[in-house]
Amino acid sequence: MRWNKQYQEKHKEYSLYGKLLKYESLETSWRKVRKNKGAGGIDRVTIEMFENQLELQLNTIQRQLYKKNYQPQPVRRVEIPKEDTDKKRKLGIPTIRDRVIQQRLKDVLEPISDLHNQRLRKHCK
């Protein structure tokens, strides 16, 4: 049984935090992260490893967010070569779990930001 059924009534869909916690939305965010592929972060958990424990991983994310004790992990730093030079640039790779949460935040906040920008453009004309 999914953990989110315990708090569904408490956190309604209209609250921003409630939208962040919705299990089905975390699944959608996970699918976007999986589609983008990418390497694992500092914890070395790969996309495949995360997917093998998907329900456990998403329930853990949801529970930690609900209890407000989620702590993002440090990013793994790698150096990749710059195009057309011998120089390298540093790249930060977040954990898969952090990427799912980042994607969820983006999915919740981006439409709000877009609506706000549309209203500003209308107002400034």
N, C-alpha and C. Protein backbone atom coordinates (compact mmCIF):
# COMPACT_ATOMS: atom_id res chain seq x y z
N MET A 1 0.85 -1.19 0.00
CA MET A 1 0.00 0.00 0.00
C MET A 1 0.89 1.24 0.00
N ARG A 2 0.54 2.19 -0.80
CA ARG A 2 1.35 3.40 -0.90
C ARG A 2 1.20 4.25 0.34
N TRP A 3 2.32 4.80 0.73
CA TRP A 3 2.37 5.63 1.94
C TRP A 3 1.52 6.88 1.78
N ASN A 4 1.41 7.41 0.57
CA ASN A 4 0.75 8.70 0.39
C ASN A 4 -0.73 8.68 0.73
N LYS A 5 -1.36 7.54 0.82
CA LYS A 5 -2.79 7.49 1.16
C LYS A 5 -3.04 7.97 2.58
N GLN A 6 -2.02 7.91 3.44
CA GLN A 6 -2.17 8.34 4.83
C GLN A 6 -2.33 9.85 4.96
N TYR A 7 -1.78 10.61 4.04
CA TYR A 7 -1.82 12.06 4.19
C TYR A 7 -2.58 12.76 3.07
N GLN A 8 -3.17 11.99 2.16
CA GLN A 8 -3.81 12.58 0.99
C GLN A 8 -4.83 13.65 1.36
N GLU A 9 -5.61 13.42 2.39
CA GLU A 9 -6.61 14.41 2.79
C GLU A 9 -5.97 15.64 3.41
N LYS A 10 -4.85 15.45 4.09
CA LYS A 10 -4.20 16.57 4.77
C LYS A 10 -3.59 17.56 3.78
N HIS A 11 -2.96 17.03 2.73
CA HIS A 11 -2.30 17.87 1.73
C HIS A 11 -3.10 17.82 0.44
N LYS A 12 -3.94 18.79 0.26
CA LYS A 12 -4.79 18.83 -0.91
C LYS A 12 -3.98 19.20 -2.14
N GLU A 13 -4.54 18.89 -3.30
CA GLU A 13 -3.89 19.15 -4.58
C GLU A 13 -3.61 20.63 -4.81
N TYR A 14 -4.39 21.52 -4.19
CA TYR A 14 -4.22 22.94 -4.45
C TYR A 14 -3.02 23.54 -3.74
N SER A 15 -2.46 22.88 -2.74
CA SER A 15 -1.29 23.45 -2.07
C SER A 15 -0.04 23.10 -2.86
N LEU A 16 0.91 24.02 -2.90
CA LEU A 16 2.15 23.76 -3.63
C LEU A 16 2.87 22.55 -3.05
N TYR A 17 2.93 22.48 -1.75
CA TYR A 17 3.63 21.36 -1.13
C TYR A 17 2.89 20.05 -1.38
N GLY A 18 1.57 20.11 -1.41
CA GLY A 18 0.77 18.92 -1.73
C GLY A 18 1.06 18.42 -3.13
N LYS A 19 1.25 19.34 -4.07
CA LYS A 19 1.59 18.95 -5.44
C LYS A 19 2.98 18.30 -5.49
N LEU A 20 3.86 18.76 -4.67
CA LEU A 20 5.21 18.20 -4.62
C LEU A 20 5.18 16.77 -4.09
N LEU A 21 4.28 16.48 -3.16
CA LEU A 21 4.25 15.19 -2.47
C LEU A 21 3.46 14.11 -3.19
N LYS A 22 2.70 14.44 -4.18
CA LYS A 22 1.82 13.48 -4.84
C LYS A 22 2.63 12.36 -5.50
N TYR A 23 2.35 11.12 -5.12
CA TYR A 23 3.12 9.96 -5.58
C TYR A 23 3.10 9.84 -7.11
N GLU A 24 1.94 9.99 -7.71
CA GLU A 24 1.83 9.86 -9.17
C GLU A 24 2.69 10.90 -9.89
N SER A 25 2.79 12.08 -9.30
CA SER A 25 3.63 13.13 -9.90
C SER A 25 5.11 12.81 -9.74
N LEU A 26 5.47 12.19 -8.63
CA LEU A 26 6.86 11.75 -8.47
C LEU A 26 7.20 10.69 -9.51
N GLU A 27 6.23 9.83 -9.83
CA GLU A 27 6.44 8.83 -10.88
C GLU A 27 6.67 9.50 -12.23
N THR A 28 5.89 10.53 -12.52
CA THR A 28 6.05 11.28 -13.77
C THR A 28 7.44 11.92 -13.82
N SER A 29 7.85 12.52 -12.72
CA SER A 29 9.18 13.14 -12.67
C SER A 29 10.26 12.09 -12.87
N TRP A 30 10.08 10.91 -12.26
CA TRP A 30 11.03 9.82 -12.44
C TRP A 30 11.15 9.44 -13.92
N ARG A 31 10.02 9.34 -14.61
CA ARG A 31 10.07 8.96 -16.04
C ARG A 31 10.87 9.98 -16.85
N LYS A 32 10.74 11.25 -16.51
CA LYS A 32 11.51 12.28 -17.21
C LYS A 32 13.01 12.13 -16.92
N VAL A 33 13.35 11.85 -15.68
CA VAL A 33 14.76 11.65 -15.32
C VAL A 33 15.31 10.43 -16.05
N ARG A 34 14.54 9.35 -16.07
CA ARG A 34 14.97 8.12 -16.76
C ARG A 34 15.18 8.39 -18.24
N LYS A 35 14.27 9.14 -18.84
CA LYS A 35 14.37 9.45 -20.27
C LYS A 35 15.65 10.24 -20.58
N ASN A 36 16.04 11.13 -19.67
CA ASN A 36 17.26 11.93 -19.86
C ASN A 36 18.54 11.13 -19.65
N LYS A 37 18.40 9.96 -19.06
CA LYS A 37 19.53 9.07 -18.77
C LYS A 37 20.51 9.76 -17.84
N GLY A 38 21.77 9.63 -18.06
CA GLY A 38 22.76 10.29 -17.23
C GLY A 38 23.39 9.36 -16.20
N ALA A 39 24.50 9.78 -15.69
CA ALA A 39 25.27 9.00 -14.72
C ALA A 39 24.71 9.19 -13.32
N GLY A 40 25.08 8.27 -12.45
CA GLY A 40 24.70 8.38 -11.04
C GLY A 40 25.54 9.41 -10.33
N GLY A 41 25.06 9.86 -9.22
CA GLY A 41 25.76 10.87 -8.44
C GLY A 41 26.76 10.27 -7.48
N ILE A 42 27.00 10.99 -6.39
CA ILE A 42 28.02 10.62 -5.43
C ILE A 42 27.72 9.27 -4.76
N ASP A 43 26.44 8.89 -4.71
CA ASP A 43 26.06 7.61 -4.11
C ASP A 43 26.25 6.44 -5.07
N ARG A 44 26.57 6.73 -6.33
CA ARG A 44 26.83 5.74 -7.38
C ARG A 44 25.61 4.89 -7.73
N VAL A 45 24.41 5.35 -7.36
CA VAL A 45 23.18 4.66 -7.75
C VAL A 45 22.88 5.04 -9.19
N THR A 46 22.75 4.04 -10.05
CA THR A 46 22.47 4.27 -11.46
C THR A 46 20.97 4.34 -11.70
N ILE A 47 20.61 4.74 -12.91
CA ILE A 47 19.20 4.76 -13.31
C ILE A 47 18.59 3.37 -13.14
N GLU A 48 19.33 2.34 -13.57
CA GLU A 48 18.84 0.97 -13.49
C GLU A 48 18.65 0.52 -12.03
N MET A 49 19.60 0.86 -11.19
CA MET A 49 19.49 0.48 -9.77
C MET A 49 18.29 1.17 -9.13
N PHE A 50 18.10 2.44 -9.43
CA PHE A 50 16.97 3.19 -8.89
C PHE A 50 15.66 2.55 -9.36
N GLU A 51 15.60 2.21 -10.63
CA GLU A 51 14.38 1.64 -11.20
C GLU A 51 14.06 0.27 -10.61
N ASN A 52 15.09 -0.50 -10.28
CA ASN A 52 14.88 -1.82 -9.67
C ASN A 52 14.20 -1.72 -8.31
N GLN A 53 14.32 -0.58 -7.65
CA GLN A 53 13.69 -0.35 -6.34
C GLN A 53 12.77 0.87 -6.42
N LEU A 54 12.11 1.03 -7.53
CA LEU A 54 11.38 2.27 -7.80
C LEU A 54 10.35 2.62 -6.73
N GLU A 55 9.49 1.69 -6.39
CA GLU A 55 8.45 2.00 -5.40
C GLU A 55 9.06 2.38 -4.05
N LEU A 56 10.08 1.65 -3.63
CA LEU A 56 10.76 1.97 -2.37
C LEU A 56 11.41 3.34 -2.45
N GLN A 57 12.08 3.62 -3.55
CA GLN A 57 12.77 4.91 -3.71
C GLN A 57 11.77 6.08 -3.67
N LEU A 58 10.68 5.96 -4.45
CA LEU A 58 9.71 7.05 -4.50
C LEU A 58 8.98 7.21 -3.17
N ASN A 59 8.66 6.10 -2.51
CA ASN A 59 8.04 6.19 -1.19
C ASN A 59 8.97 6.86 -0.18
N THR A 60 10.26 6.54 -0.26
CA THR A 60 11.24 7.15 0.63
C THR A 60 11.33 8.66 0.39
N ILE A 61 11.39 9.05 -0.87
CA ILE A 61 11.42 10.48 -1.22
C ILE A 61 10.17 11.16 -0.66
N GLN A 62 9.02 10.57 -0.92
CA GLN A 62 7.76 11.15 -0.49
C GLN A 62 7.70 11.30 1.03
N ARG A 63 8.11 10.27 1.73
CA ARG A 63 8.08 10.29 3.20
C ARG A 63 9.03 11.35 3.75
N GLN A 64 10.23 11.43 3.18
CA GLN A 64 11.20 12.43 3.66
C GLN A 64 10.72 13.85 3.38
N LEU A 65 10.12 14.06 2.22
CA LEU A 65 9.58 15.39 1.91
C LEU A 65 8.42 15.73 2.84
N TYR A 66 7.57 14.77 3.08
CA TYR A 66 6.43 14.99 3.96
C TYR A 66 6.89 15.35 5.37
N LYS A 67 7.88 14.63 5.87
CA LYS A 67 8.39 14.89 7.22
C LYS A 67 9.34 16.08 7.25
N LYS A 68 9.64 16.62 6.09
CA LYS A 68 10.53 17.77 5.93
C LYS A 68 11.92 17.49 6.49
N ASN A 69 12.39 16.27 6.27
CA ASN A 69 13.76 15.94 6.70
C ASN A 69 14.62 15.46 5.53
N TYR A 70 14.20 15.80 4.31
CA TYR A 70 15.00 15.43 3.14
C TYR A 70 16.25 16.29 3.09
N GLN A 71 17.38 15.67 2.85
CA GLN A 71 18.65 16.38 2.70
C GLN A 71 19.27 16.00 1.36
N PRO A 72 19.43 16.95 0.44
CA PRO A 72 20.09 16.61 -0.83
C PRO A 72 21.54 16.21 -0.59
N GLN A 73 22.03 15.33 -1.44
CA GLN A 73 23.40 14.86 -1.34
C GLN A 73 24.34 15.83 -2.06
N PRO A 74 25.61 15.83 -1.69
CA PRO A 74 26.57 16.62 -2.47
C PRO A 74 26.62 16.09 -3.91
N VAL A 75 26.96 16.95 -4.83
CA VAL A 75 27.07 16.51 -6.23
C VAL A 75 28.43 15.87 -6.47
N ARG A 76 28.45 14.92 -7.40
CA ARG A 76 29.72 14.31 -7.80
C ARG A 76 30.34 15.21 -8.86
N ARG A 77 31.59 15.56 -8.65
CA ARG A 77 32.30 16.45 -9.58
C ARG A 77 33.15 15.64 -10.54
N VAL A 78 32.97 15.93 -11.81
CA VAL A 78 33.81 15.32 -12.84
C VAL A 78 34.28 16.43 -13.77
N GLU A 79 35.40 16.19 -14.40
CA GLU A 79 35.91 17.15 -15.38
C GLU A 79 35.70 16.57 -16.76
N ILE A 80 35.13 17.40 -17.64
CA ILE A 80 34.92 16.97 -19.01
C ILE A 80 35.64 17.94 -19.93
N PRO A 81 36.13 17.43 -21.06
CA PRO A 81 36.88 18.31 -21.98
C PRO A 81 35.96 19.34 -22.63
N LYS A 82 36.49 20.55 -22.80
CA LYS A 82 35.78 21.59 -23.53
C LYS A 82 35.99 21.34 -25.02
N GLU A 83 35.00 21.71 -25.80
CA GLU A 83 35.13 21.54 -27.25
C GLU A 83 36.22 22.44 -27.81
N ASP A 84 37.00 21.91 -28.72
CA ASP A 84 38.03 22.66 -29.47
C ASP A 84 39.15 23.24 -28.61
N THR A 85 39.34 22.74 -27.39
CA THR A 85 40.46 23.18 -26.57
C THR A 85 40.98 21.98 -25.77
N ASP A 86 42.13 22.19 -25.17
CA ASP A 86 42.68 21.16 -24.28
C ASP A 86 42.19 21.34 -22.85
N LYS A 87 41.43 22.37 -22.61
CA LYS A 87 40.97 22.66 -21.26
C LYS A 87 39.79 21.77 -20.88
N LYS A 88 39.55 21.69 -19.58
CA LYS A 88 38.42 20.91 -19.07
C LYS A 88 37.53 21.80 -18.25
N ARG A 89 36.27 21.42 -18.16
CA ARG A 89 35.34 22.15 -17.29
C ARG A 89 34.76 21.19 -16.28
N LYS A 90 34.41 21.73 -15.12
CA LYS A 90 33.86 20.91 -14.05
C LYS A 90 32.35 20.76 -14.24
N LEU A 91 31.89 19.56 -13.98
CA LEU A 91 30.48 19.24 -14.11
C LEU A 91 30.01 18.61 -12.81
N GLY A 92 28.89 19.07 -12.28
CA GLY A 92 28.32 18.50 -11.07
C GLY A 92 27.19 17.54 -11.42
N ILE A 93 27.25 16.32 -10.89
CA ILE A 93 26.24 15.31 -11.19
C ILE A 93 25.47 14.99 -9.90
N PRO A 94 24.19 15.40 -9.83
CA PRO A 94 23.41 15.09 -8.64
C PRO A 94 23.00 13.62 -8.62
N THR A 95 22.60 13.12 -7.47
CA THR A 95 22.11 11.75 -7.37
C THR A 95 20.79 11.63 -8.13
N ILE A 96 20.42 10.42 -8.48
CA ILE A 96 19.16 10.19 -9.18
C ILE A 96 18.00 10.69 -8.32
N ARG A 97 18.05 10.40 -7.04
CA ARG A 97 16.99 10.83 -6.12
C ARG A 97 16.86 12.35 -6.13
N ASP A 98 17.97 13.07 -6.08
CA ASP A 98 17.93 14.53 -6.11
C ASP A 98 17.40 15.03 -7.45
N ARG A 99 17.73 14.33 -8.54
CA ARG A 99 17.25 14.73 -9.86
C ARG A 99 15.73 14.55 -9.97
N VAL A 100 15.20 13.50 -9.35
CA VAL A 100 13.75 13.31 -9.35
C VAL A 100 13.08 14.48 -8.63
N ILE A 101 13.61 14.86 -7.50
CA ILE A 101 13.03 15.97 -6.73
C ILE A 101 13.18 17.29 -7.49
N GLN A 102 14.34 17.50 -8.09
CA GLN A 102 14.55 18.72 -8.87
C GLN A 102 13.55 18.79 -10.03
N GLN A 103 13.33 17.66 -10.68
CA GLN A 103 12.37 17.61 -11.79
C GLN A 103 10.96 17.90 -11.29
N ARG A 104 10.61 17.34 -10.13
CA ARG A 104 9.28 17.58 -9.56
C ARG A 104 9.09 19.05 -9.24
N LEU A 105 10.11 19.67 -8.64
CA LEU A 105 10.04 21.10 -8.34
C LEU A 105 9.86 21.92 -9.62
N LYS A 106 10.61 21.56 -10.64
CA LYS A 106 10.50 22.25 -11.92
C LYS A 106 9.09 22.11 -12.48
N ASP A 107 8.53 20.90 -12.42
CA ASP A 107 7.19 20.66 -12.95
C ASP A 107 6.12 21.43 -12.18
N VAL A 108 6.33 21.66 -10.90
CA VAL A 108 5.36 22.41 -10.09
C VAL A 108 5.53 23.91 -10.30
N LEU A 109 6.77 24.39 -10.32
CA LEU A 109 7.01 25.84 -10.32
C LEU A 109 7.02 26.48 -11.71
N GLU A 110 7.42 25.73 -12.73
CA GLU A 110 7.54 26.33 -14.06
C GLU A 110 6.21 26.88 -14.59
N PRO A 111 5.09 26.14 -14.48
CA PRO A 111 3.82 26.72 -14.95
C PRO A 111 3.42 27.99 -14.19
N ILE A 112 3.74 28.05 -12.93
CA ILE A 112 3.42 29.24 -12.13
C ILE A 112 4.25 30.42 -12.63
N SER A 113 5.52 30.16 -12.87
CA SER A 113 6.42 31.19 -13.37
C SER A 113 5.97 31.67 -14.76
N ASP A 114 5.60 30.73 -15.62
CA ASP A 114 5.14 31.10 -16.96
C ASP A 114 3.89 31.97 -16.90
N LEU A 115 2.95 31.60 -16.04
CA LEU A 115 1.72 32.38 -15.89
C LEU A 115 2.04 33.78 -15.37
N HIS A 116 2.94 33.85 -14.40
CA HIS A 116 3.34 35.16 -13.85
C HIS A 116 3.98 36.02 -14.94
N ASN A 117 4.85 35.42 -15.75
CA ASN A 117 5.51 36.17 -16.82
C ASN A 117 4.50 36.65 -17.87
N GLN A 118 3.51 35.82 -18.18
CA GLN A 118 2.47 36.24 -19.13
C GLN A 118 1.70 37.44 -18.60
N ARG A 119 1.37 37.40 -17.33
CA ARG A 119 0.63 38.52 -16.72
C ARG A 119 1.48 39.79 -16.71
N LEU A 120 2.78 39.63 -16.45
CA LEU A 120 3.66 40.80 -16.47
C LEU A 120 3.74 41.41 -17.86
N ARG A 121 3.88 40.56 -18.87
CA ARG A 121 3.95 41.06 -20.25
C ARG A 121 2.67 41.79 -20.64
N LYS A 122 1.53 41.23 -20.23
CA LYS A 122 0.24 41.86 -20.51
C LYS A 122 0.14 43.22 -19.83
N HIS A 123 0.59 43.27 -18.59
CA HIS A 123 0.53 44.49 -17.79
C HIS A 123 1.44 45.58 -18.35
N CYS A 124 2.58 45.18 -18.89
CA CYS A 124 3.59 46.15 -19.35
C CYS A 124 3.29 46.70 -20.74
N LYS A 125 2.31 46.14 -21.44
CA LYS A 125 2.00 46.62 -22.79
C LYS A 125 1.29 47.94 -22.77
